[in-house]
Amino acid sequence: MTEFSKYDVLISDLNVIQAGVTVLLNKLNDLNARNADLENLLSEMNSEKFLQLEKIKNLKEELEELRTENQSSLFGSLSGTEKEELKHRIRDMISRIDNHLSS
């Protein structure tokens, strides 16, 4: 009878171990699936980041072109003497405003 009960205990222990292994395998499969989903999401986010960085780069270039274009269209048509005269007028106006404010 003791041989039979040892056998039953061993089978029972093996069943408990098998159930534990099954639970762990299920958790492993769930974690692997979640990991795969997260890796796919990360890949999508990296692609989106790359696209956004490209858009930012293009917008910066476009902004710089617009700035250059505005500067050349506003002051590019003036000759050197006209630019100097404009600077002199601006300095004169600034000094007038400064004198007006200080009095």
PDB file of N, CA and C in Angstrom:
ATOM      1  N   MET A   1       0.809  -1.184   0.000  1.00  0.00           N
ATOM      2  CA  MET A   1       0.000   0.000   0.000  1.00  0.00           C
ATOM      3  C   MET A   1       0.858   1.256   0.000  1.00  0.00           C
ATOM      4  N   THR A   2       1.999   1.220   0.677  1.00  0.00           N
ATOM      5  CA  THR A   2       2.870   2.388   0.699  1.00  0.00           C
ATOM      6  C   THR A   2       3.468   2.639  -0.673  1.00  0.00           C
ATOM      7  N   GLU A   3       3.723   1.562  -1.424  1.00  0.00           N
ATOM      8  CA  GLU A   3       4.240   1.723  -2.772  1.00  0.00           C
ATOM      9  C   GLU A   3       3.206   2.436  -3.635  1.00  0.00           C
ATOM     10  N   PHE A   4       1.974   2.062  -3.461  1.00  0.00           N
ATOM     11  CA  PHE A   4       0.906   2.661  -4.243  1.00  0.00           C
ATOM     12  C   PHE A   4       0.731   4.133  -3.878  1.00  0.00           C
ATOM     13  N   SER A   5       0.808   4.476  -2.619  1.00  0.00           N
ATOM     14  CA  SER A   5       0.629   5.868  -2.211  1.00  0.00           C
ATOM     15  C   SER A   5       1.829   6.716  -2.643  1.00  0.00           C
ATOM     16  N   LYS A   6       3.042   6.132  -2.655  1.00  0.00           N
ATOM     17  CA  LYS A   6       4.198   6.878  -3.160  1.00  0.00           C
ATOM     18  C   LYS A   6       4.027   7.181  -4.645  1.00  0.00           C
ATOM     19  N   TYR A   7       3.493   6.196  -5.347  1.00  0.00           N
ATOM     20  CA  TYR A   7       3.236   6.378  -6.772  1.00  0.00           C
ATOM     21  C   TYR A   7       2.196   7.479  -6.979  1.00  0.00           C
ATOM     22  N   ASP A   8       1.132   7.465  -6.183  1.00  0.00           N
ATOM     23  CA  ASP A   8       0.083   8.495  -6.273  1.00  0.00           C
ATOM     24  C   ASP A   8       0.642   9.884  -5.961  1.00  0.00           C
ATOM     25  N   VAL A   9       1.484   9.966  -4.950  1.00  0.00           N
ATOM     26  CA  VAL A   9       2.089  11.257  -4.580  1.00  0.00           C
ATOM     27  C   VAL A   9       2.975  11.752  -5.723  1.00  0.00           C
ATOM     28  N   LEU A  10       3.755  10.844  -6.301  1.00  0.00           N
ATOM     29  CA  LEU A  10       4.626  11.211  -7.411  1.00  0.00           C
ATOM     30  C   LEU A  10       3.809  11.689  -8.609  1.00  0.00           C
ATOM     31  N   ILE A  11       2.750  10.982  -8.942  1.00  0.00           N
ATOM     32  CA  ILE A  11       1.877  11.372 -10.056  1.00  0.00           C
ATOM     33  C   ILE A  11       1.218  12.718  -9.747  1.00  0.00           C
ATOM     34  N   SER A  12       0.772  12.884  -8.527  1.00  0.00           N
ATOM     35  CA  SER A  12       0.152  14.148  -8.119  1.00  0.00           C
ATOM     36  C   SER A  12       1.141  15.308  -8.240  1.00  0.00           C
ATOM     37  N   ASP A  13       2.381  15.087  -7.773  1.00  0.00           N
ATOM     38  CA  ASP A  13       3.416  16.124  -7.881  1.00  0.00           C
ATOM     39  C   ASP A  13       3.708  16.453  -9.344  1.00  0.00           C
ATOM     40  N   LEU A  14       3.775  15.412 -10.175  1.00  0.00           N
ATOM     41  CA  LEU A  14       4.022  15.628 -11.598  1.00  0.00           C
ATOM     42  C   LEU A  14       2.875  16.404 -12.247  1.00  0.00           C
ATOM     43  N   ASN A  15       1.651  16.137 -11.830  1.00  0.00           N
ATOM     44  CA  ASN A  15       0.488  16.871 -12.350  1.00  0.00           C
ATOM     45  C   ASN A  15       0.555  18.345 -11.951  1.00  0.00           C
ATOM     46  N   VAL A  16       0.973  18.605 -10.709  1.00  0.00           N
ATOM     47  CA  VAL A  16       1.116  19.989 -10.240  1.00  0.00           C
ATOM     48  C   VAL A  16       2.206  20.698 -11.035  1.00  0.00           C
ATOM     49  N   ILE A  17       3.315  19.992 -11.243  1.00  0.00           N
ATOM     50  CA  ILE A  17       4.413  20.569 -12.023  1.00  0.00           C
ATOM     51  C   ILE A  17       3.961  20.830 -13.458  1.00  0.00           C
ATOM     52  N   GLN A  18       3.220  19.881 -14.032  1.00  0.00           N
ATOM     53  CA  GLN A  18       2.732  20.047 -15.397  1.00  0.00           C
ATOM     54  C   GLN A  18       1.784  21.240 -15.494  1.00  0.00           C
ATOM     55  N   ALA A  19       0.926  21.400 -14.505  1.00  0.00           N
ATOM     56  CA  ALA A  19       0.009  22.546 -14.504  1.00  0.00           C
ATOM     57  C   ALA A  19       0.793  23.855 -14.398  1.00  0.00           C
ATOM     58  N   GLY A  20       1.822  23.863 -13.555  1.00  0.00           N
ATOM     59  CA  GLY A  20       2.656  25.061 -13.423  1.00  0.00           C
ATOM     60  C   GLY A  20       3.379  25.388 -14.721  1.00  0.00           C
ATOM     61  N   VAL A  21       3.888  24.348 -15.384  1.00  0.00           N
ATOM     62  CA  VAL A  21       4.582  24.544 -16.661  1.00  0.00           C
ATOM     63  C   VAL A  21       3.610  25.068 -17.710  1.00  0.00           C
ATOM     64  N   THR A  22       2.401  24.558 -17.716  1.00  0.00           N
ATOM     65  CA  THR A  22       1.386  25.014 -18.667  1.00  0.00           C
ATOM     66  C   THR A  22       1.070  26.492 -18.442  1.00  0.00           C
ATOM     67  N   VAL A  23       0.922  26.882 -17.179  1.00  0.00           N
ATOM     68  CA  VAL A  23       0.656  28.288 -16.856  1.00  0.00           C
ATOM     69  C   VAL A  23       1.826  29.162 -17.314  1.00  0.00           C
ATOM     70  N   LEU A  24       3.039  28.710 -17.035  1.00  0.00           N
ATOM     71  CA  LEU A  24       4.216  29.478 -17.437  1.00  0.00           C
ATOM     72  C   LEU A  24       4.332  29.576 -18.956  1.00  0.00           C
ATOM     73  N   LEU A  25       4.015  28.490 -19.670  1.00  0.00           N
ATOM     74  CA  LEU A  25       4.047  28.526 -21.135  1.00  0.00           C
ATOM     75  C   LEU A  25       3.014  29.500 -21.686  1.00  0.00           C
ATOM     76  N   ASN A  26       1.839  29.515 -21.082  1.00  0.00           N
ATOM     77  CA  ASN A  26       0.804  30.460 -21.513  1.00  0.00           C
ATOM     78  C   ASN A  26       1.257  31.902 -21.280  1.00  0.00           C
ATOM     79  N   LYS A  27       1.865  32.146 -20.133  1.00  0.00           N
ATOM     80  CA  LYS A  27       2.378  33.489 -19.850  1.00  0.00           C
ATOM     81  C   LYS A  27       3.478  33.857 -20.831  1.00  0.00           C
ATOM     82  N   LEU A  28       4.355  32.897 -21.129  1.00  0.00           N
ATOM     83  CA  LEU A  28       5.427  33.137 -22.089  1.00  0.00           C
ATOM     84  C   LEU A  28       4.866  33.484 -23.466  1.00  0.00           C
ATOM     85  N   ASN A  29       3.854  32.729 -23.897  1.00  0.00           N
ATOM     86  CA  ASN A  29       3.236  33.004 -25.197  1.00  0.00           C
ATOM     87  C   ASN A  29       2.580  34.390 -25.206  1.00  0.00           C
ATOM     88  N   ASP A  30       1.902  34.742 -24.124  1.00  0.00           N
ATOM     89  CA  ASP A  30       1.278  36.060 -24.024  1.00  0.00           C
ATOM     90  C   ASP A  30       2.339  37.159 -24.068  1.00  0.00           C
ATOM     91  N   LEU A  31       3.422  36.962 -23.336  1.00  0.00           N
ATOM     92  CA  LEU A  31       4.487  37.957 -23.320  1.00  0.00           C
ATOM     93  C   LEU A  31       5.168  38.084 -24.684  1.00  0.00           C
ATOM     94  N   ASN A  32       5.365  36.952 -25.354  1.00  0.00           N
ATOM     95  CA  ASN A  32       5.960  36.989 -26.692  1.00  0.00           C
ATOM     96  C   ASN A  32       5.060  37.732 -27.677  1.00  0.00           C
ATOM     97  N   ALA A  33       3.758  37.489 -27.588  1.00  0.00           N
ATOM     98  CA  ALA A  33       2.814  38.189 -28.466  1.00  0.00           C
ATOM     99  C   ALA A  33       2.824  39.687 -28.156  1.00  0.00           C
ATOM    100  N   ARG A  34       2.820  40.032 -26.879  1.00  0.00           N
ATOM    101  CA  ARG A  34       2.855  41.454 -26.477  1.00  0.00           C
ATOM    102  C   ARG A  34       4.166  42.099 -26.942  1.00  0.00           C
ATOM    103  N   ASN A  35       5.253  41.377 -26.796  1.00  0.00           N
ATOM    104  CA  ASN A  35       6.553  41.890 -27.235  1.00  0.00           C
ATOM    105  C   ASN A  35       6.559  42.140 -28.741  1.00  0.00           C
ATOM    106  N   ALA A  36       5.993  41.217 -29.505  1.00  0.00           N
ATOM    107  CA  ALA A  36       5.919  41.382 -30.959  1.00  0.00           C
ATOM    108  C   ALA A  36       5.065  42.608 -31.309  1.00  0.00           C
ATOM    109  N   ASP A  37       3.944  42.780 -30.605  1.00  0.00           N
ATOM    110  CA  ASP A  37       3.099  43.952 -30.842  1.00  0.00           C
ATOM    111  C   ASP A  37       3.853  45.238 -30.530  1.00  0.00           C
ATOM    112  N   LEU A  38       4.580  45.239 -29.427  1.00  0.00           N
ATOM    113  CA  LEU A  38       5.340  46.429 -29.049  1.00  0.00           C
ATOM    114  C   LEU A  38       6.465  46.724 -30.038  1.00  0.00           C
ATOM    115  N   GLU A  39       7.101  45.673 -30.540  1.00  0.00           N
ATOM    116  CA  GLU A  39       8.153  45.873 -31.538  1.00  0.00           C
ATOM    117  C   GLU A  39       7.578  46.451 -32.828  1.00  0.00           C
ATOM    118  N   ASN A  40       6.387  45.979 -33.222  1.00  0.00           N
ATOM    119  CA  ASN A  40       5.730  46.529 -34.412  1.00  0.00           C
ATOM    120  C   ASN A  40       5.368  47.998 -34.187  1.00  0.00           C
ATOM    121  N   LEU A  41       4.857  48.294 -33.001  1.00  0.00           N
ATOM    122  CA  LEU A  41       4.508  49.672 -32.669  1.00  0.00           C
ATOM    123  C   LEU A  41       5.749  50.556 -32.676  1.00  0.00           C
ATOM    124  N   LEU A  42       6.836  50.060 -32.117  1.00  0.00           N
ATOM    125  CA  LEU A  42       8.089  50.813 -32.105  1.00  0.00           C
ATOM    126  C   LEU A  42       8.570  51.081 -33.530  1.00  0.00           C
ATOM    127  N   SER A  43       8.470  50.096 -34.371  1.00  0.00           N
ATOM    128  CA  SER A  43       8.882  50.258 -35.765  1.00  0.00           C
ATOM    129  C   SER A  43       8.027  51.319 -36.455  1.00  0.00           C
ATOM    130  N   GLU A  44       6.725  51.282 -36.218  1.00  0.00           N
ATOM    131  CA  GLU A  44       5.826  52.282 -36.799  1.00  0.00           C
ATOM    132  C   GLU A  44       6.164  53.679 -36.280  1.00  0.00           C
ATOM    133  N   MET A  45       6.430  53.771 -34.976  1.00  0.00           N
ATOM    134  CA  MET A  45       6.752  55.066 -34.379  1.00  0.00           C
ATOM    135  C   MET A  45       8.076  55.596 -34.930  1.00  0.00           C
ATOM    136  N   ASN A  46       9.052  54.724 -35.124  1.00  0.00           N
ATOM    137  CA  ASN A  46      10.327  55.157 -35.704  1.00  0.00           C
ATOM    138  C   ASN A  46      10.141  55.653 -37.131  1.00  0.00           C
ATOM    139  N   SER A  47       9.293  54.969 -37.881  1.00  0.00           N
ATOM    140  CA  SER A  47       9.002  55.414 -39.248  1.00  0.00           C
ATOM    141  C   SER A  47       8.321  56.779 -39.226  1.00  0.00           C
ATOM    142  N   GLU A  48       7.358  56.940 -38.337  1.00  0.00           N
ATOM    143  CA  GLU A  48       6.649  58.211 -38.200  1.00  0.00           C
ATOM    144  C   GLU A  48       7.610  59.315 -37.767  1.00  0.00           C
ATOM    145  N   LYS A  49       8.506  58.992 -36.841  1.00  0.00           N
ATOM    146  CA  LYS A  49       9.504  59.968 -36.382  1.00  0.00           C
ATOM    147  C   LYS A  49      10.379  60.404 -37.540  1.00  0.00           C
ATOM    148  N   PHE A  50      10.819  59.458 -38.346  1.00  0.00           N
ATOM    149  CA  PHE A  50      11.650  59.781 -39.497  1.00  0.00           C
ATOM    150  C   PHE A  50      10.905  60.712 -40.448  1.00  0.00           C
ATOM    151  N   LEU A  51       9.638  60.406 -40.721  1.00  0.00           N
ATOM    152  CA  LEU A  51       8.842  61.252 -41.617  1.00  0.00           C
ATOM    153  C   LEU A  51       8.675  62.659 -41.039  1.00  0.00           C
ATOM    154  N   GLN A  52       8.423  62.737 -39.740  1.00  0.00           N
ATOM    155  CA  GLN A  52       8.258  64.049 -39.107  1.00  0.00           C
ATOM    156  C   GLN A  52       9.556  64.844 -39.139  1.00  0.00           C
ATOM    157  N   LEU A  53      10.682  64.177 -38.908  1.00  0.00           N
ATOM    158  CA  LEU A  53      11.973  64.864 -38.978  1.00  0.00           C
ATOM    159  C   LEU A  53      12.250  65.374 -40.390  1.00  0.00           C
ATOM    160  N   GLU A  54      11.865  64.596 -41.395  1.00  0.00           N
ATOM    161  CA  GLU A  54      12.024  65.033 -42.773  1.00  0.00           C
ATOM    162  C   GLU A  54      11.155  66.256 -43.055  1.00  0.00           C
ATOM    163  N   LYS A  55       9.917  66.241 -42.536  1.00  0.00           N
ATOM    164  CA  LYS A  55       9.032  67.390 -42.718  1.00  0.00           C
ATOM    165  C   LYS A  55       9.619  68.628 -42.054  1.00  0.00           C
ATOM    166  N   ILE A  56      10.145  68.451 -40.845  1.00  0.00           N
ATOM    167  CA  ILE A  56      10.758  69.578 -40.127  1.00  0.00           C
ATOM    168  C   ILE A  56      11.939  70.121 -40.920  1.00  0.00           C
ATOM    169  N   LYS A  57      12.757  69.223 -41.435  1.00  0.00           N
ATOM    170  CA  LYS A  57      13.922  69.643 -42.225  1.00  0.00           C
ATOM    171  C   LYS A  57      13.481  70.432 -43.450  1.00  0.00           C
ATOM    172  N   ASN A  58      12.474  69.927 -44.142  1.00  0.00           N
ATOM    173  CA  ASN A  58      11.979  70.613 -45.335  1.00  0.00           C
ATOM    174  C   ASN A  58      11.384  71.975 -44.989  1.00  0.00           C
ATOM    175  N   LEU A  59      10.653  72.039 -43.880  1.00  0.00           N
ATOM    176  CA  LEU A  59      10.066  73.311 -43.465  1.00  0.00           C
ATOM    177  C   LEU A  59      11.141  74.324 -43.075  1.00  0.00           C
ATOM    178  N   LYS A  60      12.195  73.859 -42.408  1.00  0.00           N
ATOM    179  CA  LYS A  60      13.294  74.754 -42.058  1.00  0.00           C
ATOM    180  C   LYS A  60      13.962  75.308 -43.315  1.00  0.00           C
ATOM    181  N   GLU A  61      14.179  74.429 -44.293  1.00  0.00           N
ATOM    182  CA  GLU A  61      14.786  74.874 -45.547  1.00  0.00           C
ATOM    183  C   GLU A  61      13.881  75.884 -46.247  1.00  0.00           C
ATOM    184  N   GLU A  62      12.584  75.607 -46.248  1.00  0.00           N
ATOM    185  CA  GLU A  62      11.633  76.514 -46.880  1.00  0.00           C
ATOM    186  C   GLU A  62      11.608  77.865 -46.162  1.00  0.00           C
ATOM    187  N   LEU A  63      11.652  77.830 -44.842  1.00  0.00           N
ATOM    188  CA  LEU A  63      11.682  79.065 -44.059  1.00  0.00           C
ATOM    189  C   LEU A  63      12.937  79.872 -44.366  1.00  0.00           C
ATOM    190  N   GLU A  64      14.062  79.196 -44.446  1.00  0.00           N
ATOM    191  CA  GLU A  64      15.317  79.888 -44.753  1.00  0.00           C
ATOM    192  C   GLU A  64      15.268  80.499 -46.148  1.00  0.00           C
ATOM    193  N   GLU A  65      14.688  79.782 -47.092  1.00  0.00           N
ATOM    194  CA  GLU A  65      14.544  80.321 -48.445  1.00  0.00           C
ATOM    195  C   GLU A  65      13.659  81.564 -48.432  1.00  0.00           C
ATOM    196  N   LEU A  66      12.558  81.510 -47.673  1.00  0.00           N
ATOM    197  CA  LEU A  66      11.666  82.664 -47.586  1.00  0.00           C
ATOM    198  C   LEU A  66      12.362  83.857 -46.932  1.00  0.00           C
ATOM    199  N   ARG A  67      13.135  83.598 -45.905  1.00  0.00           N
ATOM    200  CA  ARG A  67      13.869  84.683 -45.244  1.00  0.00           C
ATOM    201  C   ARG A  67      14.854  85.320 -46.213  1.00  0.00           C
ATOM    202  N   THR A  68      15.589  84.491 -46.914  1.00  0.00           N
ATOM    203  CA  THR A  68      16.571  84.987 -47.874  1.00  0.00           C
ATOM    204  C   THR A  68      15.872  85.772 -48.985  1.00  0.00           C
ATOM    205  N   GLU A  69      14.760  85.224 -49.434  1.00  0.00           N
ATOM    206  CA  GLU A  69      14.000  85.868 -50.506  1.00  0.00           C
ATOM    207  C   GLU A  69      13.473  87.227 -50.051  1.00  0.00           C
ATOM    208  N   ASN A  70      12.956  87.293 -48.823  1.00  0.00           N
ATOM    209  CA  ASN A  70      12.439  88.553 -48.297  1.00  0.00           C
ATOM    210  C   ASN A  70      13.542  89.579 -48.142  1.00  0.00           C
ATOM    211  N   GLN A  71      14.672  89.146 -47.634  1.00  0.00           N
ATOM    212  CA  GLN A  71      15.771  90.082 -47.447  1.00  0.00           C
ATOM    213  C   GLN A  71      16.264  90.611 -48.792  1.00  0.00           C
ATOM    214  N   SER A  72      16.371  89.727 -49.749  1.00  0.00           N
ATOM    215  CA  SER A  72      16.873  90.174 -51.049  1.00  0.00           C
ATOM    216  C   SER A  72      15.843  91.048 -51.755  1.00  0.00           C
ATOM    217  N   SER A  73      14.559  90.777 -51.579  1.00  0.00           N
ATOM    218  CA  SER A  73      13.552  91.588 -52.260  1.00  0.00           C
ATOM    219  C   SER A  73      13.392  92.944 -51.588  1.00  0.00           C
ATOM    220  N   LEU A  74      13.576  93.044 -50.266  1.00  0.00           N
ATOM    221  CA  LEU A  74      13.421  94.315 -49.573  1.00  0.00           C
ATOM    222  C   LEU A  74      14.628  95.209 -49.760  1.00  0.00           C
ATOM    223  N   PHE A  75      15.801  94.660 -49.563  1.00  0.00           N
ATOM    224  CA  PHE A  75      17.002  95.483 -49.577  1.00  0.00           C
ATOM    225  C   PHE A  75      17.926  95.181 -50.749  1.00  0.00           C
ATOM    226  N   GLY A  76      17.627  94.162 -51.476  1.00  0.00           N
ATOM    227  CA  GLY A  76      18.486  93.794 -52.589  1.00  0.00           C
ATOM    228  C   GLY A  76      18.417  94.791 -53.733  1.00  0.00           C
ATOM    229  N   SER A  77      17.281  95.467 -53.849  1.00  0.00           N
ATOM    230  CA  SER A  77      17.130  96.412 -54.950  1.00  0.00           C
ATOM    231  C   SER A  77      17.806  97.752 -54.658  1.00  0.00           C
ATOM    232  N   LEU A  78      18.210  97.980 -53.402  1.00  0.00           N
ATOM    233  CA  LEU A  78      18.862  99.233 -53.031  1.00  0.00           C
ATOM    234  C   LEU A  78      20.352  99.173 -53.361  1.00  0.00           C
ATOM    235  N   SER A  79      20.853 100.305 -53.783  1.00  0.00           N
ATOM    236  CA  SER A  79      22.294 100.362 -54.035  1.00  0.00           C
ATOM    237  C   SER A  79      23.014 100.557 -52.703  1.00  0.00           C
ATOM    238  N   GLY A  80      24.331 100.509 -52.735  1.00  0.00           N
ATOM    239  CA  GLY A  80      25.125 100.665 -51.523  1.00  0.00           C
ATOM    240  C   GLY A  80      24.916 102.020 -50.872  1.00  0.00           C
ATOM    241  N   THR A  81      24.844 103.084 -51.686  1.00  0.00           N
ATOM    242  CA  THR A  81      24.639 104.427 -51.119  1.00  0.00           C
ATOM    243  C   THR A  81      23.242 104.565 -50.537  1.00  0.00           C
ATOM    244  N   GLU A  82      22.260 103.942 -51.188  1.00  0.00           N
ATOM    245  CA  GLU A  82      20.888 103.999 -50.660  1.00  0.00           C
ATOM    246  C   GLU A  82      20.792 103.266 -49.327  1.00  0.00           C
ATOM    247  N   LYS A  83      21.491 102.162 -49.220  1.00  0.00           N
ATOM    248  CA  LYS A  83      21.500 101.416 -47.952  1.00  0.00           C
ATOM    249  C   LYS A  83      22.130 102.247 -46.847  1.00  0.00           C
ATOM    250  N   GLU A  84      23.237 102.912 -47.156  1.00  0.00           N
ATOM    251  CA  GLU A  84      23.905 103.754 -46.164  1.00  0.00           C
ATOM    252  C   GLU A  84      23.008 104.915 -45.754  1.00  0.00           C
ATOM    253  N   GLU A  85      22.322 105.509 -46.722  1.00  0.00           N
ATOM    254  CA  GLU A  85      21.402 106.605 -46.424  1.00  0.00           C
ATOM    255  C   GLU A  85      20.261 106.132 -45.539  1.00  0.00           C
ATOM    256  N   LEU A  86      19.743 104.941 -45.827  1.00  0.00           N
ATOM    257  CA  LEU A  86      18.668 104.373 -45.012  1.00  0.00           C
ATOM    258  C   LEU A  86      19.146 104.118 -43.588  1.00  0.00           C
ATOM    259  N   LYS A  87      20.353 103.587 -43.439  1.00  0.00           N
ATOM    260  CA  LYS A  87      20.925 103.361 -42.100  1.00  0.00           C
ATOM    261  C   LYS A  87      21.052 104.682 -41.349  1.00  0.00           C
ATOM    262  N   HIS A  88      21.517 105.724 -42.052  1.00  0.00           N
ATOM    263  CA  HIS A  88      21.691 107.033 -41.426  1.00  0.00           C
ATOM    264  C   HIS A  88      20.335 107.584 -40.961  1.00  0.00           C
ATOM    265  N   ARG A  89      19.315 107.462 -41.794  1.00  0.00           N
ATOM    266  CA  ARG A  89      17.972 107.936 -41.424  1.00  0.00           C
ATOM    267  C   ARG A  89      17.438 107.177 -40.207  1.00  0.00           C
ATOM    268  N   ILE A  90      17.649 105.880 -40.197  1.00  0.00           N
ATOM    269  CA  ILE A  90      17.172 105.065 -39.070  1.00  0.00           C
ATOM    270  C   ILE A  90      17.884 105.474 -37.794  1.00  0.00           C
ATOM    271  N   ARG A  91      19.203 105.664 -37.857  1.00  0.00           N
ATOM    272  CA  ARG A  91      19.950 106.104 -36.669  1.00  0.00           C
ATOM    273  C   ARG A  91      19.453 107.469 -36.194  1.00  0.00           C
ATOM    274  N   ASP A  92      19.194 108.367 -37.150  1.00  0.00           N
ATOM    275  CA  ASP A  92      18.707 109.695 -36.810  1.00  0.00           C
ATOM    276  C   ASP A  92      17.351 109.612 -36.109  1.00  0.00           C
ATOM    277  N   MET A  93      16.473 108.774 -36.630  1.00  0.00           N
ATOM    278  CA  MET A  93      15.144 108.617 -36.024  1.00  0.00           C
ATOM    279  C   MET A  93      15.255 108.001 -34.630  1.00  0.00           C
ATOM    280  N   ILE A  94      16.137 107.052 -34.476  1.00  0.00           N
ATOM    281  CA  ILE A  94      16.325 106.422 -33.159  1.00  0.00           C
ATOM    282  C   ILE A  94      16.830 107.454 -32.165  1.00  0.00           C
ATOM    283  N   SER A  95      17.763 108.276 -32.582  1.00  0.00           N
ATOM    284  CA  SER A  95      18.271 109.292 -31.651  1.00  0.00           C
ATOM    285  C   SER A  95      17.196 110.318 -31.321  1.00  0.00           C
ATOM    286  N   ARG A  96      16.344 110.692 -32.280  1.00  0.00           N
ATOM    287  CA  ARG A  96      15.227 111.616 -32.007  1.00  0.00           C
ATOM    288  C   ARG A  96      14.261 111.005 -30.994  1.00  0.00           C
ATOM    289  N   ILE A  97      13.935 109.743 -31.197  1.00  0.00           N
ATOM    290  CA  ILE A  97      13.012 109.059 -30.269  1.00  0.00           C
ATOM    291  C   ILE A  97      13.633 108.974 -28.898  1.00  0.00           C
ATOM    292  N   ASP A  98      14.919 108.661 -28.845  1.00  0.00           N
ATOM    293  CA  ASP A  98      15.617 108.568 -27.575  1.00  0.00           C
ATOM    294  C   ASP A  98      15.620 109.916 -26.861  1.00  0.00           C
ATOM    295  N   ASN A  99      15.887 110.991 -27.599  1.00  0.00           N
ATOM    296  CA  ASN A  99      15.863 112.338 -27.005  1.00  0.00           C
ATOM    297  C   ASN A  99      14.461 112.696 -26.519  1.00  0.00           C
ATOM    298  N   HIS A 100      13.465 112.336 -27.306  1.00  0.00           N
ATOM    299  CA  HIS A 100      12.084 112.628 -26.927  1.00  0.00           C
ATOM    300  C   HIS A 100      11.685 111.881 -25.651  1.00  0.00           C
ATOM    301  N   LEU A 101      12.099 110.628 -25.568  1.00  0.00           N
ATOM    302  CA  LEU A 101      11.758 109.832 -24.386  1.00  0.00           C
ATOM    303  C   LEU A 101      12.519 110.277 -23.139  1.00  0.00           C
ATOM    304  N   SER A 102      13.729 110.759 -23.326  1.00  0.00           N
ATOM    305  CA  SER A 102      14.528 111.161 -22.149  1.00  0.00           C
ATOM    306  C   SER A 102      14.142 112.529 -21.623  1.00  0.00           C
ATOM    307  N   SER A 103      13.411 113.320 -22.398  1.00  0.00           N
ATOM    308  CA  SER A 103      13.036 114.654 -21.914  1.00  0.00           C
ATOM    309  C   SER A 103      11.749 114.661 -21.141  1.00  0.00           C
TER     310      SER A 103
END
